[in-house]
Amino acid sequence: MYTNVIFGLFTFVNMNITMDFFRNYDHYKASEVTGRFLPRKELEKQLEKLKNYYKVFEIGRSFLNLPIETIRIGTGEIKILAWSQMHGNETTTTKGILDLLQYFIKKREDPEISEMLQKITLLIIPMLNPDGADRYTRENVNGTDLNRDALNIIEPESKVLRECFEKFAPHYCFNLHDQRTIFGAGEEAHPATLSFLAPSLDSSRTISGGRKKAMQVIVAMNTALQEIIPHQVGRFDDSFNLNCSGDYFQAQGVPTILFECGHFQEDYLREKTREFFTFSMLTALNAIASSSYLLQDYEEYFRIPENQKNFYDIILRNALIAGNIVDVAIQYSEKIKSGEVVFVPTVATMAPVISFYGHREIDCKGEDVENIDETPLSENDIVEAILLNKEKLLIK
């Protein structure tokens, strides 16, 4: 379990920073912000409080004329640009950013934190896509995936990001996202709780000096994370697409890292994942500020298992349906109801054997499985409960 933590393998300068954060996370957590739905109005409340400690500036507007802000932390020469909620329904990293900012506030008198923030300047766009955030959609209000608009920069939000990049001229970029529960870290039954990518800068996947640095920072984070979530860190696919923000910025010579927050056991609200994400962010900032990441072997990056699409949320094994023994895969879809995200369990597929893993698996032992109204189970059925051998079994 993640609670059994050994820090003996940590090799970072100022490792007390990451140890203190992890051991006392509940003290630093921005506990007012929870759940998967994080609309613009909730962020506004947090920004008003943060203005007492940080420089918060509006840098542009969304298509629907909502403000897009930056938060500036630190005074150092090493400049790091991070942006979150480029996809409006991907909120874990925004919550984690708020945790990180609370940590810096509460530790502002700590000499180790002061030293780190004298070496780096971190500029954060906490919500690049406020229109999508309000609607809990991946795309902006025009239906555009902003992470496929880096080259064309058609949308106003994309223009805001580009202008910020050009004016700030960062030495590193952090592209912050969520990923679906379908991803595992490698071939085994390990969910990809966090995944990272040093994006390609060309179709040949050239390892430039900048991309190598991104790989080394990722190795530093992975080394730390293996101590708390062993085997649950993945490496995202590095197929090249210049219209993706990470690929574009990497191609400009700026070391860029994609962060992807995924599933941790029984954590569909991503409250544990946010903790691990914030820990990884702090680890990366510490490694960059101290230059300790340069001691990492970049080739270790390729030993991080590649993400695989090998999970369903629930699998019913050995279910008797209409006279046949089959496996049933159930996947949650996400809907907004009364201002909260609800998870709707839906039959994704049925087959004699499903080779994927389930975050939850139920062995039906060859007994009858039916819908709650005693009709046969079929694909696309919503199954908040089923009948297993005529007994009600809750799925959700």
Protein backbone atom coordinates (compact mmCIF):
# COMPACT_ATOMS: atom_id res chain seq x y z
CA MET A 1 0.00 0.00 0.00
CA TYR A 2 1.08 3.58 -0.59
CA THR A 3 1.17 4.29 3.16
CA ASN A 4 4.20 2.06 3.68
CA VAL A 5 6.77 4.60 2.58
CA ILE A 6 10.54 4.20 2.51
CA PHE A 7 12.54 7.23 1.45
CA GLY A 8 15.94 5.53 1.41
CA LEU A 9 16.23 5.64 -2.38
CA PHE A 10 15.55 9.35 -2.73
CA THR A 11 18.61 11.03 -4.20
CA PHE A 12 17.47 14.64 -4.36
CA VAL A 13 19.09 17.66 -2.84
CA ASN A 14 16.71 19.02 -0.15
CA MET A 15 14.81 15.73 0.01
CA ASN A 16 13.22 16.98 3.24
CA ILE A 17 10.92 19.08 1.05
CA THR A 18 9.25 16.10 -0.60
CA MET A 19 9.26 14.01 2.59
CA ASP A 20 7.57 16.74 4.59
CA PHE A 21 4.93 17.32 1.94
CA PHE A 22 3.98 13.66 1.65
CA ARG A 23 3.94 12.92 5.36
CA ASN A 24 1.85 16.01 6.16
CA TYR A 25 -0.25 16.25 3.01
CA ASP A 26 -3.56 16.76 4.82
CA HIS A 27 -2.12 19.85 6.48
CA TYR A 28 -1.23 21.41 3.12
CA LYS A 29 -4.19 20.26 1.02
CA ALA A 30 -6.56 22.90 -0.36
CA SER A 31 -9.41 21.00 1.27
CA GLU A 32 -12.16 23.39 0.14
CA VAL A 33 -11.76 22.07 -3.41
CA THR A 34 -12.81 18.45 -3.88
CA GLY A 35 -14.51 16.21 -6.42
CA ARG A 36 -14.14 16.01 -10.18
CA PHE A 37 -16.14 19.07 -11.23
CA LEU A 38 -14.21 22.34 -10.94
CA PRO A 39 -16.01 25.20 -12.72
CA ARG A 40 -14.70 28.70 -13.17
CA LYS A 41 -16.61 30.19 -10.21
CA GLU A 42 -14.94 27.75 -7.79
CA LEU A 43 -11.50 28.67 -9.09
CA GLU A 44 -12.33 32.37 -8.71
CA LYS A 45 -12.85 31.89 -4.96
CA GLN A 46 -9.41 30.35 -4.65
CA LEU A 47 -7.74 33.00 -6.79
CA GLU A 48 -9.11 35.78 -4.58
CA LYS A 49 -7.44 34.18 -1.56
CA LEU A 50 -4.20 33.53 -3.43
CA LYS A 51 -3.90 37.21 -4.40
CA ASN A 52 -2.82 37.85 -0.81
CA TYR A 53 0.33 35.81 -1.42
CA TYR A 54 1.00 35.61 -5.16
CA LYS A 55 0.94 37.73 -8.26
CA VAL A 56 -2.29 36.81 -10.08
CA PHE A 57 -2.85 38.45 -13.46
CA GLU A 58 -5.41 38.13 -16.22
CA ILE A 59 -3.62 37.31 -19.49
CA GLY A 60 -6.59 36.88 -21.81
CA ARG A 61 -10.17 35.77 -22.30
CA SER A 62 -11.93 32.62 -23.46
CA PHE A 63 -14.35 32.49 -26.39
CA LEU A 64 -17.20 33.29 -23.96
CA ASN A 65 -15.15 36.14 -22.50
CA LEU A 66 -14.22 34.45 -19.22
CA PRO A 67 -10.87 35.50 -17.69
CA ILE A 68 -7.77 33.34 -18.05
CA GLU A 69 -5.19 34.09 -15.36
CA THR A 70 -1.65 33.25 -14.41
CA ILE A 71 -0.18 32.79 -10.94
CA ARG A 72 3.50 33.64 -10.49
CA ILE A 73 5.61 31.98 -7.80
CA GLY A 74 9.29 32.50 -7.11
CA THR A 75 11.89 35.00 -8.27
CA GLY A 76 14.58 32.79 -9.78
CA GLU A 77 16.23 32.82 -13.19
CA ILE A 78 14.98 29.34 -14.15
CA LYS A 79 11.53 29.87 -15.66
CA ILE A 80 8.90 27.11 -15.72
CA LEU A 81 5.52 27.46 -17.44
CA ALA A 82 2.69 25.12 -16.40
CA TRP A 83 -0.90 25.06 -17.63
CA SER A 84 -3.88 23.04 -16.37
CA GLN A 85 -7.44 22.33 -17.50
CA MET A 86 -6.61 22.75 -21.16
CA HIS A 87 -9.32 20.08 -21.25
CA GLY A 88 -12.18 21.40 -19.16
CA ASN A 89 -13.12 18.05 -17.61
CA GLU A 90 -9.57 17.28 -16.45
CA THR A 91 -9.45 18.84 -13.00
CA THR A 92 -7.04 16.75 -10.93
CA THR A 93 -3.99 18.83 -11.79
CA THR A 94 -5.81 22.09 -11.00
CA LYS A 95 -6.65 20.75 -7.56
CA GLY A 96 -3.04 19.66 -7.17
CA ILE A 97 -1.77 23.09 -8.19
CA LEU A 98 -3.93 24.62 -5.45
CA ASP A 99 -2.42 22.14 -2.98
CA LEU A 100 1.08 23.10 -4.10
CA LEU A 101 0.32 26.79 -3.64
CA GLN A 102 -1.04 26.16 -0.15
CA TYR A 103 2.13 24.26 0.65
CA PHE A 104 4.30 27.17 -0.41
CA ILE A 105 2.16 29.57 1.65
CA LYS A 106 2.45 27.49 4.80
CA LYS A 107 6.16 26.90 4.26
CA ARG A 108 7.05 30.44 3.21
CA GLU A 109 9.36 30.90 6.21
CA ASP A 110 11.16 27.62 5.56
CA PRO A 111 14.74 28.28 4.37
CA GLU A 112 14.76 25.28 2.01
CA ILE A 113 11.58 26.45 0.27
CA SER A 114 12.90 30.00 0.12
CA GLU A 115 16.10 28.75 -1.48
CA MET A 116 14.19 26.77 -4.09
CA LEU A 117 11.91 29.69 -4.97
CA GLN A 118 14.91 31.98 -5.29
CA LYS A 119 16.19 29.73 -8.05
CA ILE A 120 12.98 29.23 -10.06
CA THR A 121 10.05 31.29 -11.29
CA LEU A 122 6.95 29.18 -11.81
CA LEU A 123 4.16 30.67 -13.94
CA ILE A 124 0.91 28.70 -13.79
CA ILE A 125 -2.22 28.98 -15.93
CA PRO A 126 -4.61 27.15 -13.58
CA MET A 127 -7.54 26.98 -16.02
CA LEU A 128 -6.84 27.51 -19.71
CA ASN A 129 -10.31 26.36 -20.82
CA PRO A 130 -12.88 27.97 -18.46
CA ASP A 131 -15.75 27.53 -20.95
CA GLY A 132 -15.10 23.79 -21.08
CA ALA A 133 -14.61 23.66 -17.32
CA ASP A 134 -18.08 25.11 -16.74
CA ARG A 135 -19.59 22.48 -19.05
CA TYR A 136 -17.32 19.62 -17.95
CA THR A 137 -16.22 19.01 -21.53
CA ARG A 138 -12.83 18.12 -22.94
CA GLU A 139 -13.20 20.64 -25.76
CA ASN A 140 -13.78 24.37 -25.56
CA VAL A 141 -17.24 25.79 -26.27
CA ASN A 142 -16.57 25.62 -30.04
CA GLY A 143 -15.93 21.89 -29.83
CA THR A 144 -12.17 22.27 -30.39
CA ASP A 145 -9.61 20.15 -28.58
CA LEU A 146 -7.15 22.85 -27.53
CA ASN A 147 -4.39 20.25 -27.38
CA ARG A 148 -4.73 19.86 -31.14
CA ASP A 149 -4.58 23.58 -31.90
CA ALA A 150 -0.95 24.44 -31.17
CA LEU A 151 0.07 24.93 -34.78
CA ASN A 152 -3.10 26.48 -36.18
CA ILE A 153 -3.93 28.50 -33.02
CA ILE A 154 -7.50 29.09 -34.19
CA GLU A 155 -9.13 29.35 -30.77
CA PRO A 156 -8.71 32.33 -28.41
CA GLU A 157 -7.54 30.07 -25.58
CA SER A 158 -4.78 28.69 -27.81
CA LYS A 159 -3.70 32.23 -28.64
CA VAL A 160 -3.54 33.08 -24.94
CA LEU A 161 -1.25 30.11 -24.30
CA ARG A 162 1.00 30.93 -27.24
CA GLU A 163 1.32 34.59 -26.24
CA CYS A 164 2.10 33.59 -22.68
CA PHE A 165 4.77 31.16 -23.89
CA GLU A 166 6.40 33.76 -26.12
CA LYS A 167 6.37 36.56 -23.53
CA PHE A 168 7.50 34.45 -20.59
CA ALA A 169 10.13 32.51 -22.61
CA PRO A 170 10.25 29.52 -20.24
CA HIS A 171 13.17 27.16 -19.82
CA TYR A 172 10.76 24.27 -19.07
CA CYS A 173 7.09 23.55 -19.81
CA PHE A 174 4.66 21.37 -17.82
CA ASN A 175 1.50 20.30 -19.70
CA LEU A 176 -0.99 19.06 -17.06
CA HIS A 177 -3.78 16.59 -17.83
CA ASP A 178 -5.99 13.71 -16.69
CA GLN A 179 -6.18 10.33 -18.41
CA ARG A 180 -8.95 7.75 -18.49
CA THR A 181 -9.26 4.74 -16.19
CA ILE A 182 -8.65 2.41 -19.16
CA PHE A 183 -4.87 2.89 -18.95
CA GLY A 184 -2.50 0.54 -17.19
CA ALA A 185 1.20 1.00 -16.54
CA GLY A 186 2.58 -1.76 -18.74
CA GLU A 187 1.23 -5.24 -19.39
CA GLU A 188 0.52 -6.25 -15.80
CA ALA A 189 -2.49 -5.44 -13.62
CA HIS A 190 -1.21 -2.04 -12.47
CA PRO A 191 -3.32 1.08 -13.09
CA ALA A 192 -1.48 4.06 -14.56
CA THR A 193 -2.01 6.37 -11.60
CA LEU A 194 0.45 8.82 -13.12
CA SER A 195 1.96 8.83 -16.59
CA PHE A 196 4.57 11.08 -18.09
CA LEU A 197 5.86 11.93 -21.53
CA ALA A 198 8.81 13.80 -22.94
CA PRO A 199 7.02 14.65 -26.20
CA SER A 200 8.67 14.10 -29.55
CA LEU A 201 9.92 17.12 -31.44
CA ASP A 202 9.81 15.44 -34.86
CA SER A 203 8.54 12.30 -36.56
CA SER A 204 11.93 10.61 -36.03
CA ARG A 205 11.51 11.01 -32.26
CA THR A 206 14.92 12.65 -32.04
CA ILE A 207 16.42 12.90 -28.56
CA SER A 208 17.61 16.50 -28.50
CA GLY A 209 19.31 18.14 -25.56
CA GLY A 210 16.01 19.64 -24.44
CA ARG A 211 14.07 16.40 -24.73
CA LYS A 212 16.84 14.60 -22.84
CA LYS A 213 16.44 17.07 -19.97
CA ALA A 214 12.69 16.40 -19.90
CA MET A 215 13.42 12.67 -19.72
CA GLN A 216 15.84 13.20 -16.83
CA VAL A 217 13.28 15.18 -14.83
CA ILE A 218 10.74 12.40 -15.47
CA VAL A 219 13.24 9.81 -14.24
CA ALA A 220 13.69 11.86 -11.06
CA MET A 221 9.91 11.92 -10.50
CA ASN A 222 9.53 8.23 -11.27
CA THR A 223 12.31 7.31 -8.84
CA ALA A 224 10.48 9.14 -6.07
CA LEU A 225 7.03 7.84 -7.02
CA GLN A 226 8.12 4.21 -7.03
CA GLU A 227 8.54 4.54 -3.30
CA ILE A 228 4.87 5.40 -2.76
CA ILE A 229 2.97 3.94 -5.75
CA PRO A 230 5.25 1.15 -7.02
CA HIS A 231 4.51 -0.11 -10.55
CA GLN A 232 1.78 2.50 -11.09
CA VAL A 233 3.71 5.01 -13.18
CA GLY A 234 3.46 4.79 -16.96
CA ARG A 235 5.07 6.34 -20.00
CA PHE A 236 2.69 7.95 -22.47
CA ASP A 237 2.85 7.27 -26.20
CA ASP A 238 5.32 9.57 -27.97
CA SER A 239 3.77 9.63 -31.45
CA PHE A 240 4.55 13.00 -33.01
CA ASN A 241 1.88 15.60 -33.74
CA LEU A 242 3.10 19.18 -34.10
CA ASN A 243 -0.44 20.44 -33.45
CA CYS A 244 -0.18 19.10 -29.88
CA SER A 245 1.06 21.69 -27.42
CA GLY A 246 3.78 19.54 -25.89
CA ASP A 247 5.20 18.49 -29.24
CA TYR A 248 5.12 22.07 -30.49
CA PHE A 249 6.93 23.54 -27.48
CA GLN A 250 9.43 20.68 -27.46
CA ALA A 251 10.12 21.45 -31.12
CA GLN A 252 10.92 25.03 -30.10
CA GLY A 253 13.77 23.69 -27.99
CA VAL A 254 12.05 23.98 -24.60
CA PRO A 255 12.16 20.83 -22.42
CA THR A 256 8.49 19.91 -22.07
CA ILE A 257 6.81 17.31 -19.86
CA LEU A 258 3.30 15.93 -20.16
CA PHE A 259 1.73 14.94 -16.81
CA GLU A 260 -1.26 12.57 -16.97
CA CYS A 261 -3.26 11.85 -13.80
CA GLY A 262 -5.01 8.49 -13.84
CA HIS A 263 -6.72 5.96 -11.59
CA PHE A 264 -5.66 4.92 -8.11
CA GLN A 265 -7.44 2.04 -6.43
CA GLU A 266 -11.01 2.99 -5.39
CA ASP A 267 -10.28 6.67 -6.07
CA TYR A 268 -12.72 7.75 -8.76
CA LEU A 269 -12.79 11.28 -7.37
CA ARG A 270 -8.99 11.41 -7.88
CA GLU A 271 -8.32 12.69 -4.37
CA LYS A 272 -5.36 10.33 -3.85
CA THR A 273 -4.14 10.86 -7.39
CA ARG A 274 -4.07 14.61 -6.80
CA GLU A 275 -1.79 13.99 -3.82
CA PHE A 276 0.62 11.92 -5.91
CA PHE A 277 0.51 14.47 -8.72
CA THR A 278 1.35 17.34 -6.36
CA PHE A 279 4.15 15.26 -4.90
CA SER A 280 5.53 14.71 -8.40
CA MET A 281 5.28 18.42 -9.22
CA LEU A 282 7.17 19.34 -6.07
CA THR A 283 9.75 16.68 -6.86
CA ALA A 284 10.23 18.09 -10.37
CA LEU A 285 10.56 21.67 -9.15
CA ASN A 286 13.06 20.60 -6.50
CA ALA A 287 15.06 18.59 -9.03
CA ILE A 288 15.17 21.49 -11.51
CA ALA A 289 16.02 24.10 -8.88
CA SER A 290 18.87 21.98 -7.50
CA SER A 291 19.95 20.70 -10.96
CA SER A 292 19.99 17.23 -9.36
CA TYR A 293 17.99 15.82 -12.26
CA LEU A 294 21.13 16.12 -14.39
CA LEU A 295 22.55 13.20 -12.40
CA GLN A 296 19.79 10.93 -13.72
CA ASP A 297 20.38 8.50 -16.57
CA TYR A 298 17.92 9.57 -19.27
CA GLU A 299 17.83 6.00 -20.63
CA GLU A 300 15.95 5.01 -17.47
CA TYR A 301 13.03 6.92 -19.00
CA PHE A 302 12.58 4.13 -21.54
CA ARG A 303 12.40 1.56 -18.74
CA ILE A 304 9.22 3.15 -17.43
CA PRO A 305 6.47 0.83 -18.73
CA GLU A 306 4.49 2.25 -21.61
CA ASN A 307 0.81 2.97 -21.10
CA GLN A 308 -1.51 0.22 -22.27
CA LYS A 309 -5.27 0.31 -22.81
CA ASN A 310 -5.90 -2.79 -20.72
CA PHE A 311 -8.44 -1.91 -18.02
CA TYR A 312 -12.19 -1.67 -17.62
CA ASP A 313 -13.78 -0.23 -14.50
CA ILE A 314 -15.63 -3.46 -13.67
CA ILE A 315 -15.52 -6.95 -15.14
CA LEU A 316 -18.07 -9.65 -14.34
CA ARG A 317 -16.27 -12.96 -14.84
CA ASN A 318 -17.98 -16.26 -15.71
CA ALA A 319 -21.48 -14.81 -15.99
CA LEU A 320 -24.27 -17.01 -17.36
CA ILE A 321 -26.22 -14.87 -19.83
CA ALA A 322 -28.81 -16.32 -22.21
CA GLY A 323 -27.30 -19.78 -21.76
CA ASN A 324 -23.68 -18.75 -22.40
CA ILE A 325 -20.80 -18.24 -19.99
CA VAL A 326 -19.22 -14.87 -20.76
CA ASP A 327 -17.21 -12.03 -19.25
CA VAL A 328 -18.94 -8.66 -19.06
CA ALA A 329 -16.98 -5.39 -19.15
CA ILE A 330 -18.60 -2.36 -17.54
CA GLN A 331 -17.23 1.16 -18.00
CA TYR A 332 -18.29 4.32 -16.23
CA SER A 333 -19.32 7.36 -18.22
CA GLU A 334 -19.25 10.73 -16.48
CA LYS A 335 -22.24 13.06 -16.30
CA ILE A 336 -22.93 16.31 -14.47
CA LYS A 337 -25.92 16.17 -12.12
CA SER A 338 -26.77 18.92 -9.61
CA GLY A 339 -23.27 20.35 -9.91
CA GLU A 340 -21.45 17.09 -9.31
CA VAL A 341 -19.96 14.38 -11.48
CA VAL A 342 -21.89 11.12 -11.36
CA PHE A 343 -20.52 7.86 -12.71
CA VAL A 344 -22.90 5.88 -14.90
CA PRO A 345 -21.97 2.17 -15.22
CA THR A 346 -22.62 0.95 -18.78
CA VAL A 347 -22.01 -2.45 -20.37
CA ALA A 348 -19.14 -1.87 -22.80
CA THR A 349 -18.73 -5.37 -24.23
CA MET A 350 -19.36 -9.06 -23.57
CA ALA A 351 -17.18 -11.95 -24.73
CA PRO A 352 -16.31 -15.52 -23.74
CA VAL A 353 -13.04 -14.22 -22.35
CA ILE A 354 -12.03 -10.58 -21.83
CA SER A 355 -8.26 -10.30 -21.56
CA PHE A 356 -8.34 -6.86 -19.94
CA TYR A 357 -8.15 -6.27 -16.20
CA GLY A 358 -10.94 -4.80 -14.10
CA HIS A 359 -10.37 -2.21 -11.41
CA ARG A 360 -13.06 -4.29 -9.74
CA GLU A 361 -13.70 -7.91 -10.72
CA ILE A 362 -16.66 -10.05 -9.67
CA ASP A 363 -16.60 -13.82 -10.20
CA CYS A 364 -20.17 -14.84 -10.99
CA LYS A 365 -19.19 -18.55 -10.84
CA GLY A 366 -21.39 -19.54 -13.77
CA GLU A 367 -24.57 -18.22 -12.17
CA ASP A 368 -27.36 -16.33 -13.96
CA VAL A 369 -26.79 -12.60 -14.49
CA GLU A 370 -29.70 -10.39 -15.52
CA ASN A 371 -30.76 -6.77 -15.48
CA ILE A 372 -32.66 -5.72 -12.40
CA ASP A 373 -35.93 -6.10 -14.37
CA GLU A 374 -34.96 -9.73 -15.19
CA THR A 375 -34.23 -9.01 -18.87
CA PRO A 376 -31.01 -10.37 -20.40
CA LEU A 377 -27.94 -8.20 -20.06
CA SER A 378 -26.75 -6.62 -23.31
CA GLU A 379 -24.23 -4.07 -24.51
CA ASN A 380 -24.99 -0.40 -23.73
CA ASP A 381 -27.26 -1.31 -20.81
CA ILE A 382 -26.94 0.97 -17.79
CA VAL A 383 -26.39 -1.34 -14.84
CA GLU A 384 -26.34 0.39 -11.48
CA ALA A 385 -27.46 -2.97 -10.09
CA ILE A 386 -27.86 -6.49 -11.51
CA LEU A 387 -29.46 -9.73 -10.49
CA LEU A 388 -26.89 -12.44 -9.73
CA ASN A 389 -28.69 -15.76 -9.28
CA LYS A 390 -31.85 -13.70 -8.59
CA GLU A 391 -30.13 -11.76 -5.79
CA LYS A 392 -29.62 -7.99 -6.17
CA LEU A 393 -25.99 -6.93 -6.52
CA LEU A 394 -25.02 -3.26 -6.56
CA ILE A 395 -22.58 -2.34 -9.29
CA LYS A 396 -22.23 1.34 -8.48
